[in-house]
Amino acid sequence: MIRGFYTGASSLVSQQVNLNTIANNIANAGTTGFKPQQAAFSSLMYQSINGGGGEGNTIQAGHGVKIQKTGIDFNQGDLNRTDITTDCAILGEGFFAIEDREDGTITYTRDGCFKFSVDGSDAYLVNSAGNYVLDEDENWIEVQDIKTVVDSNGTITTEGGFDAEQIGIFIFTNKYGLELAGGNQFRTTEASGESEALEKPDIMTGYLENSRVQLAQEMVKMIEASKGFSFGSKIVQTADEMEKIINQLR
């Protein structure tokens, strides 16, 4: 019955990862440019039992299930009009490049909610976390002629000589090889290959790309994963009861 414990436990572990992935998708249903993940399963090694050799008479027992990979849905999200000049959305392929202000590492994102940041006498285009947005040569984007405007409602906005064509858009040989870096960003890996600047990017200003998460689909997936977790726990419980009966017979 030890095999039953391990089989049930592998199901519990795999479905827990699946549930965590779905929960993260649902939590980011309103996150700009978010791309949902999806867990893919694979069977563990099968073993022939009872000498089950012979053509057409093979008896095999599985050893459970595991998470094979967690894929990412990079399809285009719907566009949301904001009329804010520094909000940018990519049409088609590509990612914005972001340089971390603290350690200088470069990550990539579809979130185009940008702002101006004044450093001394200079102003630069940054993301909502204050990290630098890069141009096609991976340099900071300097913004000229910054001025503060107050409208009739008392709302304060900052304007400047910002040109969306300055923003670099980068593509990869295999975007599905990108690694999650947290904060709705990705980092390059050996599988993804190095980034390459797109020659003619299509950027819309005054728009943001909505999250790709479909709540109805995620709720269905959550029900399925919950049922799978329940079945796995039943396997463990049944294996335990069978083991108890066998011990009582000795």
Protein backbone atom coordinates (compact mmCIF):
# COMPACT_ATOMS: atom_id res chain seq x y z
CA MET A 1 0.00 0.00 0.00
CA ILE A 2 3.07 2.26 0.18
CA ARG A 3 2.67 2.83 -3.58
CA GLY A 4 -0.87 4.09 -2.95
CA PHE A 5 0.39 6.66 -0.45
CA TYR A 6 3.00 7.98 -2.88
CA THR A 7 0.54 8.08 -5.79
CA GLY A 8 -2.03 10.00 -3.76
CA ALA A 9 0.62 12.33 -2.34
CA SER A 10 1.96 13.16 -5.82
CA SER A 11 -1.58 14.14 -6.84
CA LEU A 12 -1.97 16.39 -3.79
CA VAL A 13 1.34 18.16 -4.43
CA SER A 14 0.62 18.66 -8.15
CA GLN A 15 -2.92 19.92 -7.63
CA GLN A 16 -1.73 22.29 -4.92
CA VAL A 17 0.70 23.86 -7.41
CA ASN A 18 -2.14 24.03 -9.92
CA LEU A 19 -4.42 25.75 -7.39
CA ASN A 20 -1.69 28.24 -6.48
CA THR A 21 -1.20 29.06 -10.16
CA ILE A 22 -4.94 29.61 -10.70
CA ALA A 23 -5.19 31.74 -7.55
CA ASN A 24 -2.34 33.93 -8.79
CA ASN A 25 -4.11 34.39 -12.13
CA ILE A 26 -7.35 35.42 -10.43
CA ALA A 27 -5.51 37.83 -8.12
CA ASN A 28 -4.02 39.54 -11.21
CA ALA A 29 -7.23 39.80 -13.22
CA GLY A 30 -6.94 43.59 -12.96
CA THR A 31 -3.16 43.87 -13.42
CA THR A 32 -2.10 45.78 -16.52
CA GLY A 33 -0.53 43.57 -19.17
CA PHE A 34 -0.62 40.46 -16.99
CA LYS A 35 -0.20 37.10 -18.76
CA PRO A 36 -1.82 34.10 -17.01
CA GLN A 37 -0.04 30.84 -16.33
CA GLN A 38 -1.30 27.30 -16.77
CA ALA A 39 0.07 24.15 -15.14
CA ALA A 40 0.67 21.11 -17.36
CA PHE A 41 0.79 17.59 -15.91
CA SER A 42 2.68 14.44 -16.88
CA SER A 43 2.62 10.88 -15.57
CA LEU A 44 5.45 9.46 -13.52
CA MET A 45 7.13 6.24 -14.65
CA TYR A 46 4.96 3.16 -15.19
CA GLN A 47 6.09 -0.25 -13.94
CA SER A 48 5.21 -3.70 -15.27
CA ILE A 49 3.88 -5.96 -12.52
CA ASN A 50 3.06 -9.64 -12.03
CA GLY A 51 5.50 -10.56 -14.78
CA GLY A 52 3.13 -8.86 -17.15
CA GLY A 53 5.25 -9.45 -20.19
CA GLY A 54 3.96 -10.82 -23.41
CA GLU A 55 2.27 -9.07 -26.26
CA GLY A 56 -1.19 -7.77 -25.40
CA ASN A 57 -0.92 -8.98 -21.80
CA THR A 58 1.13 -6.23 -20.15
CA ILE A 59 -0.03 -5.12 -16.70
CA GLN A 60 1.33 -1.76 -15.63
CA ALA A 61 1.02 0.36 -12.50
CA GLY A 62 1.63 4.08 -12.43
CA HIS A 63 3.51 6.02 -9.77
CA GLY A 64 1.41 9.17 -9.81
CA VAL A 65 1.63 12.54 -11.48
CA LYS A 66 3.90 15.59 -11.52
CA ILE A 67 3.87 19.15 -12.82
CA GLN A 68 5.69 19.01 -16.14
CA LYS A 69 5.81 22.77 -16.68
CA THR A 70 3.97 26.01 -16.06
CA GLY A 71 3.21 27.67 -19.39
CA ILE A 72 2.34 31.32 -20.04
CA ASP A 73 -0.41 32.67 -22.29
CA PHE A 74 1.25 35.52 -24.23
CA ASN A 75 -1.78 36.32 -26.39
CA GLN A 76 -2.76 39.98 -26.78
CA GLY A 77 -5.03 41.42 -24.09
CA ASP A 78 -7.79 43.93 -24.78
CA LEU A 79 -6.83 47.62 -24.82
CA ASN A 80 -8.19 50.05 -22.26
CA ARG A 81 -8.32 53.73 -23.23
CA THR A 82 -6.94 56.06 -20.53
CA ASP A 83 -6.07 59.22 -22.54
CA ILE A 84 -2.91 59.57 -20.43
CA THR A 85 -0.02 60.39 -22.76
CA THR A 86 2.53 58.27 -20.86
CA ASP A 87 0.34 55.14 -20.91
CA CYS A 88 1.55 52.84 -23.70
CA ALA A 89 0.26 49.56 -25.11
CA ILE A 90 2.09 47.25 -27.51
CA LEU A 91 0.13 45.93 -30.47
CA GLY A 92 1.41 42.49 -31.42
CA GLU A 93 4.72 40.99 -30.36
CA GLY A 94 7.27 42.49 -28.00
CA PHE A 95 8.06 43.66 -24.48
CA PHE A 96 9.14 46.87 -22.79
CA ALA A 97 12.62 46.72 -21.22
CA ILE A 98 12.95 47.94 -17.62
CA GLU A 99 16.23 48.58 -15.76
CA ASP A 100 16.12 48.22 -11.99
CA ARG A 101 17.13 51.46 -10.29
CA GLU A 102 18.96 49.61 -7.49
CA ASP A 103 20.99 46.84 -9.13
CA GLY A 104 20.82 47.65 -12.85
CA THR A 105 19.29 44.31 -13.90
CA ILE A 106 17.06 44.37 -16.98
CA THR A 107 13.67 42.69 -17.08
CA TYR A 108 10.81 42.74 -19.61
CA THR A 109 7.11 43.47 -19.28
CA ARG A 110 3.91 44.25 -21.18
CA ASP A 111 2.84 46.79 -18.54
CA GLY A 112 3.07 50.22 -20.18
CA CYS A 113 1.90 52.37 -17.24
CA PHE A 114 4.76 54.88 -17.28
CA LYS A 115 5.51 58.15 -15.48
CA PHE A 116 8.18 60.85 -15.31
CA SER A 117 10.88 60.81 -12.65
CA VAL A 118 13.00 63.91 -11.97
CA ASP A 119 16.62 63.17 -10.98
CA GLY A 120 18.28 66.48 -10.20
CA SER A 121 18.05 68.60 -13.34
CA ASP A 122 17.11 65.65 -15.58
CA ALA A 123 13.83 63.76 -16.04
CA TYR A 124 13.43 60.17 -17.19
CA LEU A 125 10.63 57.83 -18.19
CA VAL A 126 10.02 55.21 -15.47
CA ASN A 127 7.48 52.51 -14.65
CA SER A 128 5.13 52.55 -11.65
CA ALA A 129 7.91 51.16 -9.41
CA GLY A 130 10.27 53.99 -10.37
CA ASN A 131 12.57 51.84 -12.54
CA TYR A 132 13.90 53.13 -15.83
CA VAL A 133 12.21 52.41 -19.17
CA LEU A 134 14.83 51.74 -21.87
CA ASP A 135 15.14 52.68 -25.53
CA GLU A 136 16.16 50.31 -28.32
CA ASP A 137 19.82 50.65 -27.29
CA GLU A 138 18.93 49.86 -23.66
CA ASN A 139 19.61 53.43 -22.52
CA TRP A 140 17.44 55.49 -20.18
CA ILE A 141 14.86 57.67 -21.93
CA GLU A 142 15.36 61.32 -21.02
CA VAL A 143 12.31 63.58 -21.19
CA GLN A 144 12.67 67.28 -22.02
CA ASP A 145 10.58 70.34 -21.13
CA ILE A 146 8.84 68.94 -18.06
CA LYS A 147 6.06 71.14 -16.68
CA THR A 148 3.33 70.78 -14.06
CA VAL A 149 -0.27 71.53 -15.04
CA VAL A 150 -3.21 72.07 -12.65
CA ASP A 151 -6.70 71.79 -14.17
CA SER A 152 -9.94 73.43 -13.00
CA ASN A 153 -10.62 70.53 -10.60
CA GLY A 154 -7.26 70.94 -8.91
CA THR A 155 -5.83 67.78 -10.47
CA ILE A 156 -2.06 68.01 -10.89
CA THR A 157 -0.45 66.39 -13.92
CA THR A 158 3.08 66.43 -15.28
CA GLU A 159 3.68 66.92 -18.98
CA GLY A 160 6.78 66.91 -21.11
CA GLY A 161 8.32 66.30 -24.51
CA PHE A 162 7.68 62.57 -24.47
CA ASP A 163 7.77 60.63 -27.73
CA ALA A 164 6.63 57.00 -27.66
CA GLU A 165 8.96 56.23 -30.59
CA GLN A 166 11.86 56.54 -28.15
CA ILE A 167 10.71 53.43 -26.29
CA GLY A 168 12.46 50.19 -27.23
CA ILE A 169 10.35 47.10 -27.90
CA PHE A 170 12.16 43.77 -27.66
CA ILE A 171 11.41 40.31 -28.98
CA PHE A 172 12.89 36.86 -28.30
CA THR A 173 13.62 33.74 -30.31
CA ASN A 174 11.47 31.79 -27.82
CA LYS A 175 9.38 34.03 -25.60
CA TYR A 176 7.94 30.95 -23.87
CA GLY A 177 11.40 30.35 -22.44
CA LEU A 178 11.25 33.58 -20.41
CA GLU A 179 11.36 33.21 -16.63
CA LEU A 180 9.00 34.97 -14.25
CA ALA A 181 10.82 37.65 -12.29
CA GLY A 182 7.92 38.86 -10.11
CA GLY A 183 6.20 42.22 -10.33
CA ASN A 184 4.58 41.31 -13.67
CA GLN A 185 8.03 41.08 -15.30
CA PHE A 186 10.16 38.45 -17.03
CA ARG A 187 13.88 37.78 -17.32
CA THR A 188 15.84 36.12 -20.10
CA THR A 189 17.05 32.52 -19.91
CA GLU A 190 19.15 30.28 -22.12
CA ALA A 191 15.89 28.86 -23.51
CA SER A 192 14.47 32.27 -24.45
CA GLY A 193 17.64 33.59 -26.06
CA GLU A 194 18.83 37.17 -25.88
CA SER A 195 16.52 40.10 -26.54
CA GLU A 196 16.45 41.80 -29.91
CA ALA A 197 15.06 45.27 -30.58
CA LEU A 198 12.06 45.34 -32.89
CA GLU A 199 12.72 47.62 -35.86
CA LYS A 200 9.17 48.91 -36.37
CA PRO A 201 7.22 48.51 -33.11
CA ASP A 202 3.53 49.34 -32.97
CA ILE A 203 2.84 51.35 -29.79
CA MET A 204 -0.44 53.08 -28.93
CA THR A 205 -0.27 55.97 -26.47
CA GLY A 206 -3.18 56.78 -24.18
CA TYR A 207 -3.99 53.07 -23.86
CA LEU A 208 -3.06 50.21 -21.54
CA GLU A 209 -3.24 46.48 -22.25
CA ASN A 210 -5.66 44.71 -19.93
CA SER A 211 -4.88 41.48 -18.13
CA ARG A 212 -5.32 38.39 -20.30
CA VAL A 213 -7.01 36.52 -17.42
CA GLN A 214 -10.52 35.21 -18.19
CA LEU A 215 -12.23 34.91 -14.81
CA ALA A 216 -14.90 32.45 -15.97
CA GLN A 217 -12.24 30.07 -17.32
CA GLU A 218 -10.14 30.39 -14.17
CA MET A 219 -13.12 29.57 -11.95
CA VAL A 220 -13.81 26.41 -13.99
CA LYS A 221 -10.13 25.43 -13.67
CA MET A 222 -10.28 26.03 -9.91
CA ILE A 223 -13.29 23.70 -9.56
CA GLU A 224 -11.47 21.02 -11.58
CA ALA A 225 -8.29 21.40 -9.51
CA SER A 226 -10.27 21.27 -6.25
CA LYS A 227 -11.93 18.02 -7.37
CA GLY A 228 -8.53 16.61 -8.32
CA PHE A 229 -7.12 17.53 -4.91
CA SER A 230 -10.12 15.88 -3.24
CA PHE A 231 -9.63 12.66 -5.24
CA GLY A 232 -5.94 12.61 -4.29
CA SER A 233 -6.79 12.90 -0.61
CA LYS A 234 -9.30 10.04 -1.00
CA ILE A 235 -6.54 7.84 -2.44
CA VAL A 236 -4.32 8.53 0.57
CA GLN A 237 -7.22 7.89 2.95
CA THR A 238 -8.17 4.62 1.23
CA ALA A 239 -4.55 3.41 1.19
CA ASP A 240 -4.31 4.15 4.91
CA GLU A 241 -7.49 2.20 5.67
CA MET A 242 -6.31 -0.78 3.61
CA GLU A 243 -2.96 -0.74 5.40
CA LYS A 244 -4.76 -0.70 8.73
CA ILE A 245 -6.89 -3.73 7.77
CA ILE A 246 -3.82 -5.67 6.61
CA ASN A 247 -2.01 -4.95 9.86
CA GLN A 248 -4.98 -6.18 11.85
CA LEU A 249 -4.95 -9.51 9.95
CA ARG A 250 -1.38 -10.31 10.92
